[in-house]
Structure formats: C-alpha cells, structure tokens
Amino acid sequence: MTLGVRLPEDLEKRLVSLAKETHRSKSYYVTEALRTYLEAHEKDLKTIAAYEEQRRNGTLKTYSLEEVLNKLELTKNDLDA
C-alpha cells in the first residue's frame, strides 16, 4: 500500500538524515515507527475508540462522584487525605 504523509520540516530532515546514514529507506523507518507505536498502544486506542463510540451513541455509562465513592467505600473527606 502506498500512503502519503506530510511531515514537519524538522522531522523530515531527521528522517532523511537517518535514512542516508544507515542506508535504509525513509519508508522502512516510517513503517517500523508505526509498527512499534501500534504494538505498544493498539489496545488502548481500541478502548478509547469504543468509549468514543458509546459516548456518540449515548450508551456510555457514567458515574457521579458520589457513586464512585460509595462503590469504593470512601467519603469526600478521604479525598483530602
């Protein structure tokens, strides 16, 4: 797949320099960076997307501070401690 990406000038300069110094392509480093990022964050990104979808369609369950404190068996005074 081909993908066009606009990079800030400073990032592009760093990428070009790294590619030249290591005799690797810019695409290699962009692919590796994206792979590393997704492996580290994919679960969190999917969780955030699911919450956003629930928020958009009005099915996201929210809790008041009082409900959370009751569930944790705390009082507002415990928050100051």
N, C-alpha and C. Protein backbone atom coordinates (compact mmCIF):
# COMPACT_ATOMS: atom_id res chain seq x y z
N MET A 1 0.84 -1.18 0.00
CA MET A 1 0.00 0.00 0.00
C MET A 1 0.88 1.24 0.00
N THR A 2 0.47 2.22 -0.71
CA THR A 2 1.17 3.50 -0.75
C THR A 2 0.39 4.49 0.09
N LEU A 3 1.11 5.26 0.90
CA LEU A 3 0.49 6.24 1.78
C LEU A 3 1.30 7.51 1.75
N GLY A 4 0.66 8.62 1.49
CA GLY A 4 1.34 9.91 1.52
C GLY A 4 1.22 10.52 2.90
N VAL A 5 2.31 11.04 3.42
CA VAL A 5 2.31 11.64 4.76
C VAL A 5 3.05 12.97 4.70
N ARG A 6 2.46 13.99 5.27
CA ARG A 6 3.14 15.29 5.39
C ARG A 6 3.83 15.32 6.75
N LEU A 7 5.10 15.58 6.73
CA LEU A 7 5.87 15.64 7.97
C LEU A 7 6.31 17.07 8.22
N PRO A 8 6.39 17.45 9.50
CA PRO A 8 7.00 18.75 9.81
C PRO A 8 8.45 18.74 9.29
N GLU A 9 8.92 19.90 8.90
CA GLU A 9 10.24 20.02 8.28
C GLU A 9 11.35 19.42 9.13
N ASP A 10 11.32 19.68 10.44
CA ASP A 10 12.39 19.16 11.30
C ASP A 10 12.38 17.64 11.35
N LEU A 11 11.19 17.04 11.38
CA LEU A 11 11.08 15.59 11.42
C LEU A 11 11.53 14.99 10.09
N GLU A 12 11.17 15.64 9.00
CA GLU A 12 11.60 15.16 7.69
C GLU A 12 13.13 15.19 7.57
N LYS A 13 13.74 16.26 8.03
CA LYS A 13 15.21 16.36 7.97
C LYS A 13 15.86 15.23 8.78
N ARG A 14 15.32 14.96 9.96
CA ARG A 14 15.87 13.88 10.78
C ARG A 14 15.71 12.53 10.10
N LEU A 15 14.55 12.32 9.49
CA LEU A 15 14.28 11.06 8.81
C LEU A 15 15.20 10.88 7.61
N VAL A 16 15.37 11.92 6.81
CA VAL A 16 16.26 11.86 5.64
C VAL A 16 17.69 11.59 6.08
N SER A 17 18.12 12.27 7.11
CA SER A 17 19.48 12.09 7.62
C SER A 17 19.70 10.65 8.11
N LEU A 18 18.76 10.14 8.88
CA LEU A 18 18.87 8.78 9.39
C LEU A 18 18.90 7.77 8.25
N ALA A 19 18.03 7.96 7.29
CA ALA A 19 17.98 7.04 6.15
C ALA A 19 19.30 7.03 5.38
N LYS A 20 19.87 8.20 5.15
CA LYS A 20 21.16 8.29 4.44
C LYS A 20 22.28 7.62 5.24
N GLU A 21 22.33 7.92 6.53
CA GLU A 21 23.41 7.40 7.38
C GLU A 21 23.35 5.88 7.52
N THR A 22 22.18 5.32 7.49
CA THR A 22 22.03 3.88 7.73
C THR A 22 21.76 3.08 6.46
N HIS A 23 21.67 3.78 5.32
CA HIS A 23 21.40 3.12 4.04
C HIS A 23 20.09 2.34 4.07
N ARG A 24 19.12 2.90 4.76
CA ARG A 24 17.76 2.34 4.80
C ARG A 24 16.84 3.37 4.16
N SER A 25 15.66 2.93 3.75
CA SER A 25 14.72 3.87 3.15
C SER A 25 13.92 4.61 4.22
N LYS A 26 13.41 5.76 3.83
CA LYS A 26 12.53 6.50 4.73
C LYS A 26 11.31 5.65 5.05
N SER A 27 10.81 4.95 4.06
CA SER A 27 9.64 4.09 4.26
C SER A 27 9.90 3.02 5.31
N TYR A 28 11.12 2.50 5.33
CA TYR A 28 11.47 1.49 6.33
C TYR A 28 11.27 2.07 7.73
N TYR A 29 11.79 3.25 7.97
CA TYR A 29 11.70 3.84 9.31
C TYR A 29 10.28 4.26 9.67
N VAL A 30 9.53 4.75 8.71
CA VAL A 30 8.13 5.12 8.98
C VAL A 30 7.34 3.85 9.32
N THR A 31 7.56 2.78 8.55
CA THR A 31 6.87 1.52 8.81
C THR A 31 7.24 0.97 10.18
N GLU A 32 8.51 0.98 10.53
CA GLU A 32 8.95 0.48 11.84
C GLU A 32 8.40 1.33 12.98
N ALA A 33 8.36 2.63 12.79
CA ALA A 33 7.83 3.52 13.83
C ALA A 33 6.34 3.25 14.04
N LEU A 34 5.61 3.10 12.96
CA LEU A 34 4.18 2.83 13.07
C LEU A 34 3.92 1.47 13.69
N ARG A 35 4.69 0.48 13.29
CA ARG A 35 4.54 -0.87 13.86
C ARG A 35 4.79 -0.84 15.37
N THR A 36 5.86 -0.19 15.77
CA THR A 36 6.21 -0.10 17.19
C THR A 36 5.12 0.63 17.97
N TYR A 37 4.63 1.73 17.42
CA TYR A 37 3.58 2.51 18.09
C TYR A 37 2.32 1.68 18.25
N LEU A 38 1.89 1.02 17.18
CA LEU A 38 0.66 0.24 17.26
C LEU A 38 0.78 -0.94 18.21
N GLU A 39 1.93 -1.59 18.22
CA GLU A 39 2.13 -2.71 19.15
C GLU A 39 2.05 -2.24 20.59
N ALA A 40 2.54 -1.04 20.85
CA ALA A 40 2.54 -0.52 22.22
C ALA A 40 1.19 0.06 22.63
N HIS A 41 0.40 0.56 21.67
CA HIS A 41 -0.78 1.34 22.02
C HIS A 41 -2.09 0.84 21.43
N GLU A 42 -2.07 -0.21 20.63
CA GLU A 42 -3.28 -0.63 19.92
C GLU A 42 -4.44 -0.93 20.85
N LYS A 43 -4.18 -1.64 21.96
CA LYS A 43 -5.25 -1.98 22.89
C LYS A 43 -5.88 -0.71 23.47
N ASP A 44 -5.03 0.24 23.88
CA ASP A 44 -5.54 1.49 24.44
C ASP A 44 -6.32 2.28 23.40
N LEU A 45 -5.84 2.31 22.17
CA LEU A 45 -6.52 3.05 21.11
C LEU A 45 -7.89 2.45 20.81
N LYS A 46 -7.98 1.12 20.82
CA LYS A 46 -9.26 0.46 20.60
C LYS A 46 -10.22 0.72 21.75
N THR A 47 -9.71 0.74 22.97
CA THR A 47 -10.55 1.03 24.14
C THR A 47 -11.09 2.45 24.05
N ILE A 48 -10.24 3.39 23.71
CA ILE A 48 -10.66 4.79 23.57
C ILE A 48 -11.70 4.91 22.47
N ALA A 49 -11.49 4.23 21.35
CA ALA A 49 -12.45 4.28 20.24
C ALA A 49 -13.80 3.71 20.67
N ALA A 50 -13.79 2.64 21.44
CA ALA A 50 -15.04 2.04 21.92
C ALA A 50 -15.78 3.00 22.85
N TYR A 51 -15.06 3.66 23.75
CA TYR A 51 -15.68 4.65 24.63
C TYR A 51 -16.25 5.81 23.82
N GLU A 52 -15.50 6.28 22.83
CA GLU A 52 -15.97 7.38 22.00
C GLU A 52 -17.24 6.99 21.24
N GLU A 53 -17.30 5.77 20.74
CA GLU A 53 -18.49 5.30 20.05
C GLU A 53 -19.68 5.26 21.01
N GLN A 54 -19.47 4.78 22.21
CA GLN A 54 -20.55 4.75 23.21
C GLN A 54 -20.99 6.17 23.58
N ARG A 55 -20.02 7.07 23.69
CA ARG A 55 -20.36 8.47 24.00
C ARG A 55 -21.20 9.08 22.88
N ARG A 56 -20.80 8.82 21.63
CA ARG A 56 -21.53 9.38 20.49
C ARG A 56 -22.96 8.84 20.40
N ASN A 57 -23.14 7.54 20.67
CA ASN A 57 -24.48 6.99 20.51
C ASN A 57 -25.29 7.00 21.82
N GLY A 58 -24.74 7.62 22.86
CA GLY A 58 -25.48 7.82 24.10
C GLY A 58 -25.59 6.61 25.01
N THR A 59 -24.74 5.60 24.81
CA THR A 59 -24.81 4.40 25.65
C THR A 59 -23.68 4.30 26.66
N LEU A 60 -22.84 5.32 26.74
CA LEU A 60 -21.73 5.29 27.69
C LEU A 60 -22.25 5.48 29.10
N LYS A 61 -21.97 4.54 29.97
CA LYS A 61 -22.39 4.63 31.37
C LYS A 61 -21.40 5.51 32.11
N THR A 62 -21.91 6.51 32.76
CA THR A 62 -21.07 7.39 33.57
C THR A 62 -21.51 7.28 35.02
N TYR A 63 -20.63 7.68 35.91
CA TYR A 63 -20.89 7.59 37.34
C TYR A 63 -20.61 8.92 37.99
N SER A 64 -21.43 9.29 38.94
CA SER A 64 -21.20 10.51 39.70
C SER A 64 -20.08 10.24 40.72
N LEU A 65 -19.54 11.31 41.25
CA LEU A 65 -18.51 11.17 42.28
C LEU A 65 -19.06 10.41 43.48
N GLU A 66 -20.29 10.70 43.84
CA GLU A 66 -20.90 10.02 44.98
C GLU A 66 -21.00 8.51 44.73
N GLU A 67 -21.37 8.12 43.52
CA GLU A 67 -21.47 6.69 43.20
C GLU A 67 -20.10 6.01 43.28
N VAL A 68 -19.08 6.68 42.79
CA VAL A 68 -17.73 6.11 42.85
C VAL A 68 -17.27 5.98 44.29
N LEU A 69 -17.50 7.03 45.07
CA LEU A 69 -17.09 6.99 46.48
C LEU A 69 -17.82 5.87 47.22
N ASN A 70 -19.11 5.73 46.97
CA ASN A 70 -19.87 4.64 47.61
C ASN A 70 -19.33 3.28 47.21
N LYS A 71 -19.04 3.11 45.94
CA LYS A 71 -18.52 1.83 45.44
C LYS A 71 -17.18 1.50 46.12
N LEU A 72 -16.36 2.52 46.32
CA LEU A 72 -15.04 2.34 46.94
C LEU A 72 -15.09 2.44 48.46
N GLU A 73 -16.29 2.66 48.99
CA GLU A 73 -16.49 2.82 50.43
C GLU A 73 -15.62 3.93 51.00
N LEU A 74 -15.67 5.08 50.32
CA LEU A 74 -14.94 6.26 50.74
C LEU A 74 -15.91 7.40 50.96
N THR A 75 -15.41 8.46 51.59
CA THR A 75 -16.19 9.69 51.73
C THR A 75 -15.39 10.81 51.07
N LYS A 76 -16.03 11.96 50.91
CA LYS A 76 -15.32 13.11 50.33
C LYS A 76 -14.14 13.52 51.20
N ASN A 77 -14.24 13.30 52.51
CA ASN A 77 -13.13 13.63 53.40
C ASN A 77 -11.91 12.78 53.09
N ASP A 78 -12.11 11.55 52.62
CA ASP A 78 -10.97 10.69 52.27
C ASP A 78 -10.18 11.23 51.10
N LEU A 79 -10.80 12.05 50.27
CA LEU A 79 -10.11 12.61 49.12
C LEU A 79 -9.06 13.64 49.53
N ASP A 80 -9.26 14.27 50.65
CA ASP A 80 -8.33 15.29 51.13
C ASP A 80 -7.11 14.69 51.84
N ALA A 81 -7.20 13.44 52.20
CA ALA A 81 -6.12 12.82 52.97
C ALA A 81 -4.91 12.52 52.13
